[in-house]
Amino acid sequence: MTLLTLCTSACSRRSSSGGLTIFGAVILILDILALIDILRQPWSLGKKILWVAIIWFLPLLGLILYYLVAGRGKS
């Protein structure tokens, strides 16, 4: 299973033909950008793992929570 397949399955926004919908593709891209942002933060490993898990298991809600709670520029 490739990383892209794993990410798209976590997004679970597939159309009946098996492809991602526009909404699912947007969420996937925003989740990937959030994950990159998390990895660049000067946080402890535990905090990074927690945020990655939240975004992984709750793609839309995790993304919203990350930007509301953690925000940009906070440490």
Protein backbone atom coordinates (compact mmCIF):
# COMPACT_ATOMS: atom_id res chain seq x y z
CA MET A 1 0.00 0.00 0.00
CA THR A 2 1.54 3.31 -1.03
CA LEU A 3 1.52 6.42 1.13
CA LEU A 4 -0.84 8.20 -1.26
CA THR A 5 -3.29 5.28 -1.14
CA LEU A 6 -3.10 5.27 2.63
CA CYS A 7 -3.69 9.03 2.81
CA THR A 8 -6.62 8.95 0.43
CA SER A 9 -8.23 6.08 2.30
CA ALA A 10 -7.90 8.04 5.54
CA CYS A 11 -9.64 10.95 3.86
CA SER A 12 -12.58 8.68 2.89
CA ARG A 13 -14.04 11.16 0.45
CA ARG A 14 -14.24 8.86 -2.55
CA SER A 15 -16.83 9.00 -5.26
CA SER A 16 -18.68 5.89 -6.43
CA SER A 17 -16.12 5.42 -9.22
CA GLY A 18 -13.31 5.16 -6.66
CA GLY A 19 -11.68 8.53 -7.31
CA LEU A 20 -11.45 11.38 -4.87
CA THR A 21 -14.12 14.03 -4.99
CA ILE A 22 -13.05 17.68 -5.18
CA PHE A 23 -13.87 18.10 -1.49
CA GLY A 24 -11.83 15.03 -0.56
CA ALA A 25 -8.87 16.21 -2.64
CA VAL A 26 -8.94 19.63 -0.95
CA ILE A 27 -9.08 18.05 2.51
CA LEU A 28 -6.23 15.70 1.59
CA ILE A 29 -4.03 18.59 0.41
CA LEU A 30 -4.81 20.68 3.51
CA ASP A 31 -4.10 17.70 5.78
CA ILE A 32 -0.74 17.12 4.10
CA LEU A 33 0.14 20.81 4.51
CA ALA A 34 -0.85 20.65 8.19
CA LEU A 35 1.28 17.52 8.70
CA ILE A 36 4.27 19.27 7.13
CA ASP A 37 3.64 22.27 9.39
CA ILE A 38 3.47 20.00 12.45
CA LEU A 39 6.78 18.34 11.59
CA ARG A 40 8.45 21.75 11.27
CA GLN A 41 7.29 22.93 14.70
CA PRO A 42 9.85 23.01 17.54
CA TRP A 43 7.59 20.82 19.69
CA SER A 44 8.38 17.64 21.56
CA LEU A 45 8.03 14.36 19.70
CA GLY A 46 5.01 13.41 21.79
CA LYS A 47 3.10 16.56 20.87
CA LYS A 48 3.91 16.06 17.18
CA ILE A 49 2.74 12.43 17.30
CA LEU A 50 -0.48 13.48 19.03
CA TRP A 51 -1.33 16.09 16.37
CA VAL A 52 -0.42 13.73 13.52
CA ALA A 53 -2.72 11.06 15.03
CA ILE A 54 -5.57 13.55 15.43
CA ILE A 55 -5.29 14.67 11.82
CA TRP A 56 -4.84 11.09 10.59
CA PHE A 57 -7.94 9.69 12.29
CA LEU A 58 -10.13 12.82 12.03
CA PRO A 59 -9.09 14.45 8.74
CA LEU A 60 -11.52 17.38 8.62
CA LEU A 61 -12.11 17.86 12.34
CA GLY A 62 -8.42 17.36 13.12
CA LEU A 63 -7.45 19.98 10.56
CA ILE A 64 -9.89 22.50 12.05
CA LEU A 65 -8.75 21.71 15.60
CA TYR A 66 -5.10 22.02 14.67
CA TYR A 67 -5.47 25.50 13.22
CA LEU A 68 -7.81 26.68 16.01
CA VAL A 69 -5.97 25.19 19.00
CA ALA A 70 -2.33 24.97 17.95
CA GLY A 71 -2.44 27.76 15.39
CA ARG A 72 0.44 29.15 13.47
CA GLY A 73 3.38 30.65 15.31
CA LYS A 74 2.44 29.27 18.73
CA SER A 75 4.82 26.91 20.47
